[in-house]
Full PDB file with SEQRES, HELIX, SHEET, SSBOND, CRYST1, ORIGX, SCALE, CONECT and MASTER records, all heavy atoms in Angstrom:
SEQRES   1 A   39  LYS PRO GLU ASP THR ALA LEU TYR TYR CYS ALA ALA ASP          
SEQRES   2 A   39  ALA PRO PHE ARG CYS SER HIS HIS TYR TRP PRO SER ASP          
SEQRES   3 A   39  GLU TYR GLU TYR TRP GLY ARG GLY THR GLN VAL THR VAL          
HELIX    1 AA1 PRO A    2  ASP A    4  5                                   3    
HELIX    2 AA2 PRO A   15  ARG A   17  5                                   3    
SHEET    1 AA1 2 ALA A   6  TYR A   8  0                                        
SHEET    2 AA1 2 THR A  35  VAL A  37 -1                                        
SHEET    1 AA2 2 ALA A  11  ALA A  12  0                                        
SHEET    2 AA2 2 TYR A  30  TRP A  31 -1                                        
CRYST1    1.000    1.000    1.000  90.00  90.00  90.00 P 1           1          
ORIGX1      1.000000  0.000000  0.000000        0.00000                         
ORIGX2      0.000000  1.000000  0.000000        0.00000                         
ORIGX3      0.000000  0.000000  1.000000        0.00000                         
SCALE1      1.000000  0.000000  0.000000        0.00000                         
SCALE2      0.000000  1.000000  0.000000        0.00000                         
SCALE3      0.000000  0.000000  1.000000        0.00000                         
ATOM      1  N   LYS A   1     -20.413 -19.241 -19.509  1.00  0.00           N  
ATOM      2  CA  LYS A   1     -21.499 -20.225 -19.458  1.00  0.00           C  
ATOM      3  C   LYS A   1     -22.652 -19.793 -20.413  1.00  0.00           C  
ATOM      4  O   LYS A   1     -22.759 -18.640 -20.649  1.00  0.00           O  
ATOM      5  CB  LYS A   1     -22.047 -20.329 -18.051  1.00  0.00           C  
ATOM      6  CG  LYS A   1     -20.981 -20.629 -17.002  1.00  0.00           C  
ATOM      7  CD  LYS A   1     -21.541 -20.626 -15.609  1.00  0.00           C  
ATOM      8  CE  LYS A   1     -20.495 -20.957 -14.549  1.00  0.00           C  
ATOM      9  NZ  LYS A   1     -21.064 -20.929 -13.175  1.00  0.00           N  
ATOM     10  N   PRO A   2     -23.441 -20.781 -20.877  1.00  0.00           N  
ATOM     11  CA  PRO A   2     -24.591 -20.364 -21.717  1.00  0.00           C  
ATOM     12  C   PRO A   2     -25.423 -19.326 -21.150  1.00  0.00           C  
ATOM     13  O   PRO A   2     -25.950 -18.416 -21.855  1.00  0.00           O  
ATOM     14  CB  PRO A   2     -25.320 -21.728 -21.905  1.00  0.00           C  
ATOM     15  CG  PRO A   2     -24.233 -22.777 -21.779  1.00  0.00           C  
ATOM     16  CD  PRO A   2     -23.295 -22.213 -20.753  1.00  0.00           C  
ATOM     17  N   GLU A   3     -25.585 -19.309 -19.777  1.00  0.00           N  
ATOM     18  CA  GLU A   3     -26.423 -18.263 -19.192  1.00  0.00           C  
ATOM     19  C   GLU A   3     -25.828 -16.871 -19.189  1.00  0.00           C  
ATOM     20  O   GLU A   3     -26.434 -15.954 -18.741  1.00  0.00           O  
ATOM     21  CB  GLU A   3     -26.783 -18.690 -17.722  1.00  0.00           C  
ATOM     22  CG  GLU A   3     -25.618 -19.089 -16.810  1.00  0.00           C  
ATOM     23  CD  GLU A   3     -25.362 -20.580 -16.809  1.00  0.00           C  
ATOM     24  OE1 GLU A   3     -25.523 -21.264 -17.939  1.00  0.00           O  
ATOM     25  OE2 GLU A   3     -25.065 -21.099 -15.745  1.00  0.00           O  
ATOM     26  N   ASP A   4     -24.578 -16.755 -19.614  1.00  0.00           N  
ATOM     27  CA  ASP A   4     -23.956 -15.418 -19.779  1.00  0.00           C  
ATOM     28  C   ASP A   4     -24.340 -14.834 -21.129  1.00  0.00           C  
ATOM     29  O   ASP A   4     -23.985 -13.636 -21.346  1.00  0.00           O  
ATOM     30  CB  ASP A   4     -22.412 -15.569 -19.694  1.00  0.00           C  
ATOM     31  CG  ASP A   4     -21.896 -16.075 -18.338  1.00  0.00           C  
ATOM     32  OD1 ASP A   4     -22.473 -15.509 -17.300  1.00  0.00           O  
ATOM     33  OD2 ASP A   4     -20.987 -16.835 -18.339  1.00  0.00           O  
ATOM     34  N   THR A   5     -25.061 -15.505 -21.939  1.00  0.00           N  
ATOM     35  CA  THR A   5     -25.474 -14.983 -23.224  1.00  0.00           C  
ATOM     36  C   THR A   5     -26.336 -13.829 -23.033  1.00  0.00           C  
ATOM     37  O   THR A   5     -27.377 -13.917 -22.326  1.00  0.00           O  
ATOM     38  CB  THR A   5     -26.208 -16.058 -24.060  1.00  0.00           C  
ATOM     39  OG1 THR A   5     -25.218 -17.135 -24.359  1.00  0.00           O  
ATOM     40  CG2 THR A   5     -26.750 -15.548 -25.312  1.00  0.00           C  
ATOM     41  N   ALA A   6     -26.011 -12.673 -23.668  1.00  0.00           N  
ATOM     42  CA  ALA A   6     -26.728 -11.474 -23.448  1.00  0.00           C  
ATOM     43  C   ALA A   6     -26.158 -10.350 -24.227  1.00  0.00           C  
ATOM     44  O   ALA A   6     -25.039 -10.472 -24.820  1.00  0.00           O  
ATOM     45  CB  ALA A   6     -26.890 -11.018 -21.991  1.00  0.00           C  
ATOM     46  N   LEU A   7     -26.916  -9.253 -24.345  1.00  0.00           N  
ATOM     47  CA  LEU A   7     -26.349  -8.029 -24.895  1.00  0.00           C  
ATOM     48  C   LEU A   7     -25.701  -7.239 -23.712  1.00  0.00           C  
ATOM     49  O   LEU A   7     -26.385  -7.007 -22.707  1.00  0.00           O  
ATOM     50  CB  LEU A   7     -27.445  -7.160 -25.517  1.00  0.00           C  
ATOM     51  CG  LEU A   7     -27.066  -5.914 -26.271  1.00  0.00           C  
ATOM     52  CD1 LEU A   7     -26.065  -6.280 -27.478  1.00  0.00           C  
ATOM     53  CD2 LEU A   7     -28.346  -5.238 -26.849  1.00  0.00           C  
ATOM     54  N   TYR A   8     -24.493  -6.926 -23.843  1.00  0.00           N  
ATOM     55  CA  TYR A   8     -23.751  -6.310 -22.709  1.00  0.00           C  
ATOM     56  C   TYR A   8     -23.554  -4.860 -22.993  1.00  0.00           C  
ATOM     57  O   TYR A   8     -23.141  -4.464 -24.091  1.00  0.00           O  
ATOM     58  CB  TYR A   8     -22.356  -6.963 -22.553  1.00  0.00           C  
ATOM     59  CG  TYR A   8     -22.440  -8.294 -21.884  1.00  0.00           C  
ATOM     60  CD1 TYR A   8     -22.982  -9.427 -22.470  1.00  0.00           C  
ATOM     61  CD2 TYR A   8     -21.939  -8.451 -20.560  1.00  0.00           C  
ATOM     62  CE1 TYR A   8     -23.072 -10.648 -21.825  1.00  0.00           C  
ATOM     63  CE2 TYR A   8     -21.988  -9.652 -19.938  1.00  0.00           C  
ATOM     64  CZ  TYR A   8     -22.527 -10.799 -20.484  1.00  0.00           C  
ATOM     65  OH  TYR A   8     -22.585 -11.991 -19.874  1.00  0.00           O  
ATOM     66  N   TYR A   9     -23.912  -4.056 -21.979  1.00  0.00           N  
ATOM     67  CA  TYR A   9     -23.789  -2.648 -22.114  1.00  0.00           C  
ATOM     68  C   TYR A   9     -22.789  -2.111 -21.064  1.00  0.00           C  
ATOM     69  O   TYR A   9     -22.680  -2.638 -19.959  1.00  0.00           O  
ATOM     70  CB  TYR A   9     -25.141  -1.934 -21.799  1.00  0.00           C  
ATOM     71  CG  TYR A   9     -26.293  -2.315 -22.672  1.00  0.00           C  
ATOM     72  CD1 TYR A   9     -27.101  -3.390 -22.347  1.00  0.00           C  
ATOM     73  CD2 TYR A   9     -26.531  -1.582 -23.830  1.00  0.00           C  
ATOM     74  CE1 TYR A   9     -28.194  -3.718 -23.182  1.00  0.00           C  
ATOM     75  CE2 TYR A   9     -27.650  -1.923 -24.665  1.00  0.00           C  
ATOM     76  CZ  TYR A   9     -28.447  -2.985 -24.262  1.00  0.00           C  
ATOM     77  OH  TYR A   9     -29.505  -3.285 -25.084  1.00  0.00           O  
ATOM     78  N   CYS A  10     -22.114  -1.007 -21.394  1.00  0.00           N  
ATOM     79  CA  CYS A  10     -21.425  -0.221 -20.363  1.00  0.00           C  
ATOM     80  C   CYS A  10     -22.138   1.097 -20.201  1.00  0.00           C  
ATOM     81  O   CYS A  10     -22.820   1.599 -21.157  1.00  0.00           O  
ATOM     82  CB  CYS A  10     -19.943  -0.004 -20.708  1.00  0.00           C  
ATOM     83  SG  CYS A  10     -19.551   1.005 -22.109  1.00  0.00           S  
ATOM     84  N   ALA A  11     -22.058   1.678 -19.052  1.00  0.00           N  
ATOM     85  CA  ALA A  11     -22.735   2.867 -18.670  1.00  0.00           C  
ATOM     86  C   ALA A  11     -21.832   3.687 -17.729  1.00  0.00           C  
ATOM     87  O   ALA A  11     -21.044   3.164 -17.043  1.00  0.00           O  
ATOM     88  CB  ALA A  11     -24.091   2.549 -18.001  1.00  0.00           C  
ATOM     89  N   ALA A  12     -22.061   5.003 -17.727  1.00  0.00           N  
ATOM     90  CA  ALA A  12     -21.266   5.903 -16.927  1.00  0.00           C  
ATOM     91  C   ALA A  12     -22.157   6.830 -16.053  1.00  0.00           C  
ATOM     92  O   ALA A  12     -23.237   7.260 -16.535  1.00  0.00           O  
ATOM     93  CB  ALA A  12     -20.332   6.731 -17.826  1.00  0.00           C  
ATOM     94  N   ASP A  13     -21.684   7.089 -14.850  1.00  0.00           N  
ATOM     95  CA  ASP A  13     -22.419   8.050 -14.022  1.00  0.00           C  
ATOM     96  C   ASP A  13     -21.408   8.464 -12.921  1.00  0.00           C  
ATOM     97  O   ASP A  13     -20.223   8.172 -12.988  1.00  0.00           O  
ATOM     98  CB  ASP A  13     -23.632   7.360 -13.396  1.00  0.00           C  
ATOM     99  CG  ASP A  13     -24.722   8.410 -13.003  1.00  0.00           C  
ATOM    100  OD1 ASP A  13     -24.501   8.995 -11.922  1.00  0.00           O  
ATOM    101  OD2 ASP A  13     -25.696   8.536 -13.723  1.00  0.00           O  
ATOM    102  N   ALA A  14     -21.905   9.186 -11.946  1.00  0.00           N  
ATOM    103  CA  ALA A  14     -21.096   9.731 -10.849  1.00  0.00           C  
ATOM    104  C   ALA A  14     -20.436   8.528 -10.099  1.00  0.00           C  
ATOM    105  O   ALA A  14     -21.029   7.502 -10.075  1.00  0.00           O  
ATOM    106  CB  ALA A  14     -21.924  10.575  -9.931  1.00  0.00           C  
ATOM    107  N   PRO A  15     -19.327   8.809  -9.560  1.00  0.00           N  
ATOM    108  CA  PRO A  15     -18.542   7.709  -8.898  1.00  0.00           C  
ATOM    109  C   PRO A  15     -19.342   6.887  -7.863  1.00  0.00           C  
ATOM    110  O   PRO A  15     -19.175   5.709  -7.666  1.00  0.00           O  
ATOM    111  CB  PRO A  15     -17.368   8.361  -8.279  1.00  0.00           C  
ATOM    112  CG  PRO A  15     -17.098   9.556  -9.202  1.00  0.00           C  
ATOM    113  CD  PRO A  15     -18.441  10.024  -9.591  1.00  0.00           C  
ATOM    114  N   PHE A  16     -20.219   7.613  -7.067  1.00  0.00           N  
ATOM    115  CA  PHE A  16     -20.982   6.940  -6.012  1.00  0.00           C  
ATOM    116  C   PHE A  16     -21.867   5.845  -6.509  1.00  0.00           C  
ATOM    117  O   PHE A  16     -22.308   4.987  -5.700  1.00  0.00           O  
ATOM    118  CB  PHE A  16     -21.761   7.978  -5.231  1.00  0.00           C  
ATOM    119  CG  PHE A  16     -22.951   8.562  -5.955  1.00  0.00           C  
ATOM    120  CD1 PHE A  16     -24.139   7.841  -6.115  1.00  0.00           C  
ATOM    121  CD2 PHE A  16     -22.847   9.823  -6.538  1.00  0.00           C  
ATOM    122  CE1 PHE A  16     -25.213   8.414  -6.776  1.00  0.00           C  
ATOM    123  CE2 PHE A  16     -23.933  10.403  -7.219  1.00  0.00           C  
ATOM    124  CZ  PHE A  16     -25.091   9.599  -7.349  1.00  0.00           C  
ATOM    125  N   ARG A  17     -22.208   5.831  -7.841  1.00  0.00           N  
ATOM    126  CA  ARG A  17     -23.020   4.737  -8.355  1.00  0.00           C  
ATOM    127  C   ARG A  17     -22.391   3.406  -8.205  1.00  0.00           C  
ATOM    128  O   ARG A  17     -23.115   2.348  -8.058  1.00  0.00           O  
ATOM    129  CB  ARG A  17     -23.332   4.937  -9.824  1.00  0.00           C  
ATOM    130  CG  ARG A  17     -24.294   6.073 -10.122  1.00  0.00           C  
ATOM    131  CD  ARG A  17     -25.677   5.782  -9.678  1.00  0.00           C  
ATOM    132  NE  ARG A  17     -26.539   6.876  -9.990  1.00  0.00           N  
ATOM    133  CZ  ARG A  17     -27.721   7.050  -9.375  1.00  0.00           C  
ATOM    134  NH1 ARG A  17     -28.171   6.150  -8.571  1.00  0.00           N  
ATOM    135  NH2 ARG A  17     -28.473   8.075  -9.717  1.00  0.00           N  
ATOM    136  N   CYS A  18     -21.056   3.319  -8.139  1.00  0.00           N  
ATOM    137  CA  CYS A  18     -20.361   2.038  -7.896  1.00  0.00           C  
ATOM    138  C   CYS A  18     -20.079   2.022  -6.354  1.00  0.00           C  
ATOM    139  O   CYS A  18     -18.908   2.046  -6.024  1.00  0.00           O  
ATOM    140  CB  CYS A  18     -19.144   1.885  -8.737  1.00  0.00           C  
ATOM    141  SG  CYS A  18     -18.416   0.228  -8.588  1.00  0.00           S  
ATOM    142  N   SER A  19     -21.090   1.798  -5.604  1.00  0.00           N  
ATOM    143  CA  SER A  19     -20.924   1.637  -4.193  1.00  0.00           C  
ATOM    144  C   SER A  19     -22.006   0.635  -3.807  1.00  0.00           C  
ATOM    145  O   SER A  19     -22.981   0.466  -4.411  1.00  0.00           O  
ATOM    146  CB  SER A  19     -21.107   2.925  -3.448  1.00  0.00           C  
ATOM    147  OG  SER A  19     -22.388   3.415  -3.565  1.00  0.00           O  
ATOM    148  N   HIS A  20     -21.742  -0.031  -2.642  1.00  0.00           N  
ATOM    149  CA  HIS A  20     -22.653  -1.048  -2.227  1.00  0.00           C  
ATOM    150  C   HIS A  20     -24.035  -0.540  -1.928  1.00  0.00           C  
ATOM    151  O   HIS A  20     -25.052  -1.220  -1.928  1.00  0.00           O  
ATOM    152  CB  HIS A  20     -22.073  -1.854  -1.075  1.00  0.00           C  
ATOM    153  CG  HIS A  20     -20.964  -2.738  -1.479  1.00  0.00           C  
ATOM    154  ND1 HIS A  20     -21.099  -3.913  -2.178  1.00  0.00           N  
ATOM    155  CD2 HIS A  20     -19.600  -2.598  -1.265  1.00  0.00           C  
ATOM    156  CE1 HIS A  20     -19.943  -4.466  -2.402  1.00  0.00           C  
ATOM    157  NE2 HIS A  20     -19.025  -3.634  -1.858  1.00  0.00           N  
ATOM    158  N   HIS A  21     -24.064   0.716  -1.510  1.00  0.00           N  
ATOM    159  CA  HIS A  21     -25.383   1.360  -1.293  1.00  0.00           C  
ATOM    160  C   HIS A  21     -26.269   1.411  -2.548  1.00  0.00           C  
ATOM    161  O   HIS A  21     -27.465   1.285  -2.495  1.00  0.00           O  
ATOM    162  CB  HIS A  21     -25.152   2.800  -0.756  1.00  0.00           C  
ATOM    163  CG  HIS A  21     -26.418   3.493  -0.388  1.00  0.00           C  
ATOM    164  ND1 HIS A  21     -27.174   3.234   0.724  1.00  0.00           N  
ATOM    165  CD2 HIS A  21     -27.117   4.453  -1.092  1.00  0.00           C  
ATOM    166  CE1 HIS A  21     -28.221   4.011   0.792  1.00  0.00           C  
ATOM    167  NE2 HIS A  21     -28.219   4.797  -0.310  1.00  0.00           N  
ATOM    168  N   TYR A  22     -25.698   1.660  -3.707  1.00  0.00           N  
ATOM    169  CA  TYR A  22     -26.463   1.875  -4.942  1.00  0.00           C  
ATOM    170  C   TYR A  22     -26.446   0.648  -5.831  1.00  0.00           C  
ATOM    171  O   TYR A  22     -27.348   0.409  -6.634  1.00  0.00           O  
ATOM    172  CB  TYR A  22     -25.979   3.081  -5.707  1.00  0.00           C  
ATOM    173  CG  TYR A  22     -26.256   4.412  -5.040  1.00  0.00           C  
ATOM    174  CD1 TYR A  22     -25.358   5.015  -4.182  1.00  0.00           C  
ATOM    175  CD2 TYR A  22     -27.492   4.999  -5.247  1.00  0.00           C  
ATOM    176  CE1 TYR A  22     -25.703   6.198  -3.600  1.00  0.00           C  
ATOM    177  CE2 TYR A  22     -27.851   6.200  -4.660  1.00  0.00           C  
ATOM    178  CZ  TYR A  22     -26.866   6.758  -3.836  1.00  0.00           C  
ATOM    179  OH  TYR A  22     -27.256   8.027  -3.247  1.00  0.00           O  
ATOM    180  N   TRP A  23     -25.401  -0.096  -5.825  1.00  0.00           N  
ATOM    181  CA  TRP A  23     -25.336  -1.262  -6.629  1.00  0.00           C  
ATOM    182  C   TRP A  23     -26.430  -2.297  -6.293  1.00  0.00           C  
ATOM    183  O   TRP A  23     -26.639  -2.535  -5.152  1.00  0.00           O  
ATOM    184  CB  TRP A  23     -23.943  -1.990  -6.533  1.00  0.00           C  
ATOM    185  CG  TRP A  23     -23.826  -3.143  -7.404  1.00  0.00           C  
ATOM    186  CD1 TRP A  23     -23.806  -4.473  -6.980  1.00  0.00           C  
ATOM    187  CD2 TRP A  23     -23.571  -3.189  -8.796  1.00  0.00           C  
ATOM    188  NE1 TRP A  23     -23.711  -5.330  -8.052  1.00  0.00           N  
ATOM    189  CE2 TRP A  23     -23.543  -4.518  -9.195  1.00  0.00           C  
ATOM    190  CE3 TRP A  23     -23.438  -2.176  -9.766  1.00  0.00           C  
ATOM    191  CZ2 TRP A  23     -23.276  -4.939 -10.519  1.00  0.00           C  
ATOM    192  CZ3 TRP A  23     -23.246  -2.533 -11.080  1.00  0.00           C  
ATOM    193  CH2 TRP A  23     -23.185  -3.911 -11.403  1.00  0.00           C  
ATOM    194  N   PRO A  24     -27.175  -2.921  -7.249  1.00  0.00           N  
ATOM    195  CA  PRO A  24     -26.887  -2.907  -8.722  1.00  0.00           C  
ATOM    196  C   PRO A  24     -27.911  -2.040  -9.502  1.00  0.00           C  
ATOM    197  O   PRO A  24     -28.215  -2.358 -10.654  1.00  0.00           O  
ATOM    198  CB  PRO A  24     -27.120  -4.359  -9.054  1.00  0.00           C  
ATOM    199  CG  PRO A  24     -28.241  -4.760  -8.176  1.00  0.00           C  
ATOM    200  CD  PRO A  24     -28.009  -4.009  -6.933  1.00  0.00           C  
ATOM    201  N   SER A  25     -28.138  -0.911  -8.936  1.00  0.00           N  
ATOM    202  CA  SER A  25     -29.071  -0.007  -9.588  1.00  0.00           C  
ATOM    203  C   SER A  25     -28.511   0.366 -11.027  1.00  0.00           C  
ATOM    204  O   SER A  25     -27.325   0.559 -11.208  1.00  0.00           O  
ATOM    205  CB  SER A  25     -29.206   1.263  -8.827  1.00  0.00           C  
ATOM    206  OG  SER A  25     -29.871   2.314  -9.593  1.00  0.00           O  
ATOM    207  N   ASP A  26     -29.356   0.419 -12.038  1.00  0.00           N  
ATOM    208  CA  ASP A  26     -28.980   0.764 -13.406  1.00  0.00           C  
ATOM    209  C   ASP A  26     -29.317   2.218 -13.666  1.00  0.00           C  
ATOM    210  O   ASP A  26     -29.513   2.558 -14.886  1.00  0.00           O  
ATOM    211  CB  ASP A  26     -29.634  -0.139 -14.400  1.00  0.00           C  
ATOM    212  CG  ASP A  26     -31.111  -0.082 -14.471  1.00  0.00           C  
ATOM    213  OD1 ASP A  26     -31.728   0.643 -13.652  1.00  0.00           O  
ATOM    214  OD2 ASP A  26     -31.659  -0.776 -15.301  1.00  0.00           O  
ATOM    215  N   GLU A  27     -29.434   3.049 -12.676  1.00  0.00           N  
ATOM    216  CA  GLU A  27     -29.687   4.488 -12.946  1.00  0.00           C  
ATOM    217  C   GLU A  27     -28.482   5.238 -13.301  1.00  0.00           C  
ATOM    218  O   GLU A  27     -28.072   6.183 -12.638  1.00  0.00           O  
ATOM    219  CB  GLU A  27     -30.388   5.050 -11.631  1.00  0.00           C  
ATOM    220  CG  GLU A  27     -31.729   4.465 -11.353  1.00  0.00           C  
ATOM    221  CD  GLU A  27     -32.391   5.047 -10.189  1.00  0.00           C  
ATOM    222  OE1 GLU A  27     -31.723   5.855  -9.453  1.00  0.00           O  
ATOM    223  OE2 GLU A  27     -33.488   4.751  -9.827  1.00  0.00           O  
ATOM    224  N   TYR A  28     -27.903   4.809 -14.411  1.00  0.00           N  
ATOM    225  CA  TYR A  28     -26.736   5.456 -14.932  1.00  0.00           C  
ATOM    226  C   TYR A  28     -27.178   6.475 -16.019  1.00  0.00           C  
ATOM    227  O   TYR A  28     -28.147   6.157 -16.838  1.00  0.00           O  
ATOM    228  CB  TYR A  28     -25.725   4.431 -15.534  1.00  0.00           C  
ATOM    229  CG  TYR A  28     -24.918   3.778 -14.527  1.00  0.00           C  
ATOM    230  CD1 TYR A  28     -25.436   2.975 -13.499  1.00  0.00           C  
ATOM    231  CD2 TYR A  28     -23.526   3.861 -14.543  1.00  0.00           C  
ATOM    232  CE1 TYR A  28     -24.692   2.349 -12.526  1.00  0.00           C  
ATOM    233  CE2 TYR A  28     -22.672   3.256 -13.646  1.00  0.00           C  
ATOM    234  CZ  TYR A  28     -23.243   2.452 -12.609  1.00  0.00           C  
ATOM    235  OH  TYR A  28     -22.474   1.854 -11.692  1.00  0.00           O  
ATOM    236  N   GLU A  29     -26.481   7.544 -16.191  1.00  0.00           N  
ATOM    237  CA  GLU A  29     -26.946   8.576 -17.127  1.00  0.00           C  
ATOM    238  C   GLU A  29     -26.510   8.254 -18.534  1.00  0.00           C  
ATOM    239  O   GLU A  29     -27.268   8.503 -19.478  1.00  0.00           O  
ATOM    240  CB  GLU A  29     -26.340   9.960 -16.727  1.00  0.00           C  
ATOM    241  CG  GLU A  29     -26.905  11.086 -17.563  1.00  0.00           C  
ATOM    242  CD  GLU A  29     -26.512  12.450 -16.986  1.00  0.00           C  
ATOM    243  OE1 GLU A  29     -25.829  12.508 -15.997  1.00  0.00           O  
ATOM    244  OE2 GLU A  29     -26.917  13.415 -17.607  1.00  0.00           O  
ATOM    245  N   TYR A  30     -25.336   7.733 -18.743  1.00  0.00           N  
ATOM    246  CA  TYR A  30     -24.848   7.567 -20.129  1.00  0.00           C  
ATOM    247  C   TYR A  30     -24.672   6.118 -20.438  1.00  0.00           C  
ATOM    248  O   TYR A  30     -24.119   5.348 -19.614  1.00  0.00           O  
ATOM    249  CB  TYR A  30     -23.509   8.303 -20.279  1.00  0.00           C  
ATOM    250  CG  TYR A  30     -23.580   9.771 -19.944  1.00  0.00           C  
ATOM    251  CD1 TYR A  30     -23.075  10.203 -18.726  1.00  0.00           C  
ATOM    252  CD2 TYR A  30     -24.172  10.657 -20.796  1.00  0.00           C  
ATOM    253  CE1 TYR A  30     -23.158  11.522 -18.360  1.00  0.00           C  
ATOM    254  CE2 TYR A  30     -24.279  11.992 -20.367  1.00  0.00           C  
ATOM    255  CZ  TYR A  30     -23.702  12.461 -19.199  1.00  0.00           C  
ATOM    256  OH  TYR A  30     -23.825  13.782 -18.895  1.00  0.00           O  
ATOM    257  N   TRP A  31     -25.104   5.726 -21.657  1.00  0.00           N  
ATOM    258  CA  TRP A  31     -25.137   4.316 -22.012  1.00  0.00           C  
ATOM    259  C   TRP A  31     -24.531   4.130 -23.449  1.00  0.00           C  
ATOM    260  O   TRP A  31     -24.707   4.955 -24.325  1.00  0.00           O  
ATOM    261  CB  TRP A  31     -26.587   3.756 -22.009  1.00  0.00           C  
ATOM    262  CG  TRP A  31     -27.106   3.595 -20.621  1.00  0.00           C  
ATOM    263  CD1 TRP A  31     -27.682   4.588 -19.891  1.00  0.00           C  
ATOM    264  CD2 TRP A  31     -27.133   2.424 -19.868  1.00  0.00           C  
ATOM    265  NE1 TRP A  31     -28.026   4.091 -18.697  1.00  0.00           N  
ATOM    266  CE2 TRP A  31     -27.768   2.770 -18.599  1.00  0.00           C  
ATOM    267  CE3 TRP A  31     -26.796   1.073 -20.071  1.00  0.00           C  
ATOM    268  CZ2 TRP A  31     -27.966   1.791 -17.544  1.00  0.00           C  
ATOM    269  CZ3 TRP A  31     -26.954   0.119 -19.036  1.00  0.00           C  
ATOM    270  CH2 TRP A  31     -27.585   0.530 -17.853  1.00  0.00           C  
ATOM    271  N   GLY A  32     -23.845   3.000 -23.602  1.00  0.00           N  
ATOM    272  CA  GLY A  32     -23.517   2.600 -24.918  1.00  0.00           C  
ATOM    273  C   GLY A  32     -24.610   1.787 -25.598  1.00  0.00           C  
ATOM    274  O   GLY A  32     -25.629   1.575 -25.026  1.00  0.00           O  
ATOM    275  N   ARG A  33     -24.342   1.357 -26.756  1.00  0.00           N  
ATOM    276  CA  ARG A  33     -25.363   0.642 -27.533  1.00  0.00           C  
ATOM    277  C   ARG A  33     -25.339  -0.864 -27.333  1.00  0.00           C  
ATOM    278  O   ARG A  33     -26.273  -1.587 -27.776  1.00  0.00           O  
ATOM    279  CB  ARG A  33     -25.291   0.972 -28.976  1.00  0.00           C  
ATOM    280  CG  ARG A  33     -25.637   2.448 -29.290  1.00  0.00           C  
ATOM    281  CD  ARG A  33     -25.719   2.695 -30.793  1.00  0.00           C  
ATOM    282  NE  ARG A  33     -26.146   4.043 -31.123  1.00  0.00           N  
ATOM    283  CZ  ARG A  33     -26.373   4.496 -32.247  1.00  0.00           C  
ATOM    284  NH1 ARG A  33     -26.199   3.700 -33.302  1.00  0.00           N  
ATOM    285  NH2 ARG A  33     -26.803   5.781 -32.404  1.00  0.00           N  
ATOM    286  N   GLY A  34     -24.317  -1.349 -26.683  1.00  0.00           N  
ATOM    287  CA  GLY A  34     -24.184  -2.757 -26.367  1.00  0.00           C  
ATOM    288  C   GLY A  34     -23.374  -3.586 -27.437  1.00  0.00           C  
ATOM    289  O   GLY A  34     -23.188  -3.212 -28.565  1.00  0.00           O  
ATOM    290  N   THR A  35     -22.868  -4.764 -26.903  1.00  0.00           N  
ATOM    291  CA  THR A  35     -22.210  -5.665 -27.729  1.00  0.00           C  
ATOM    292  C   THR A  35     -22.680  -7.046 -27.348  1.00  0.00           C  
ATOM    293  O   THR A  35     -22.830  -7.436 -26.166  1.00  0.00           O  
ATOM    294  CB  THR A  35     -20.661  -5.576 -27.529  1.00  0.00           C  
ATOM    295  OG1 THR A  35     -20.011  -6.459 -28.441  1.00  0.00           O  
ATOM    296  CG2 THR A  35     -20.237  -5.844 -26.099  1.00  0.00           C  
ATOM    297  N   GLN A  36     -22.905  -7.909 -28.357  1.00  0.00           N  
ATOM    298  CA  GLN A  36     -23.576  -9.199 -28.132  1.00  0.00           C  
ATOM    299  C   GLN A  36     -22.545 -10.230 -27.773  1.00  0.00           C  
ATOM    300  O   GLN A  36     -21.539 -10.491 -28.413  1.00  0.00           O  
ATOM    301  CB  GLN A  36     -24.306  -9.628 -29.357  1.00  0.00           C  
ATOM    302  CG  GLN A  36     -24.993 -11.004 -29.242  1.00  0.00           C  
ATOM    303  CD  GLN A  36     -26.149 -11.013 -28.276  1.00  0.00           C  
ATOM    304  OE1 GLN A  36     -26.899 -10.042 -28.140  1.00  0.00           O  
ATOM    305  NE2 GLN A  36     -26.262 -12.096 -27.461  1.00  0.00           N  
ATOM    306  N   VAL A  37     -22.848 -10.948 -26.643  1.00  0.00           N  
ATOM    307  CA  VAL A  37     -22.095 -12.120 -26.264  1.00  0.00           C  
ATOM    308  C   VAL A  37     -23.010 -13.384 -26.304  1.00  0.00           C  
ATOM    309  O   VAL A  37     -24.036 -13.380 -25.683  1.00  0.00           O  
ATOM    310  CB  VAL A  37     -21.529 -11.954 -24.773  1.00  0.00           C  
ATOM    311  CG1 VAL A  37     -20.883 -13.199 -24.253  1.00  0.00           C  
ATOM    312  CG2 VAL A  37     -20.550 -10.791 -24.768  1.00  0.00           C  
ATOM    313  N   THR A  38     -22.559 -14.386 -27.065  1.00  0.00           N  
ATOM    314  CA  THR A  38     -23.328 -15.606 -27.156  1.00  0.00           C  
ATOM    315  C   THR A  38     -22.355 -16.772 -26.824  1.00  0.00           C  
ATOM    316  O   THR A  38     -21.300 -16.911 -27.364  1.00  0.00           O  
ATOM    317  CB  THR A  38     -23.813 -15.778 -28.632  1.00  0.00           C  
ATOM    318  OG1 THR A  38     -24.621 -14.612 -28.993  1.00  0.00           O  
ATOM    319  CG2 THR A  38     -24.666 -17.030 -28.719  1.00  0.00           C  
ATOM    320  N   VAL A  39     -22.814 -17.560 -25.806  1.00  0.00           N  
ATOM    321  CA  VAL A  39     -22.088 -18.642 -25.347  1.00  0.00           C  
ATOM    322  C   VAL A  39     -22.810 -19.924 -25.739  1.00  0.00           C  
ATOM    323  O   VAL A  39     -23.875 -20.198 -25.172  1.00  0.00           O  
ATOM    324  CB  VAL A  39     -21.822 -18.573 -23.840  1.00  0.00           C  
ATOM    325  CG1 VAL A  39     -20.934 -19.771 -23.419  1.00  0.00           C  
ATOM    326  CG2 VAL A  39     -21.250 -17.276 -23.443  1.00  0.00           C  
TER     327      VAL A  39                                                      
MASTER        0    0    0    2    4    0    0    6  326    1    0    3          
END                                                                             
């Protein structure tokens, strides 16, 4: 959808970051530079 237009990043951190307790916190340690998606 047009509202999906954004710069998309992936990030890495300890496994517990992907849990309902922490999601959607962006306190990830490692980040890529992003890739642009335009709809």
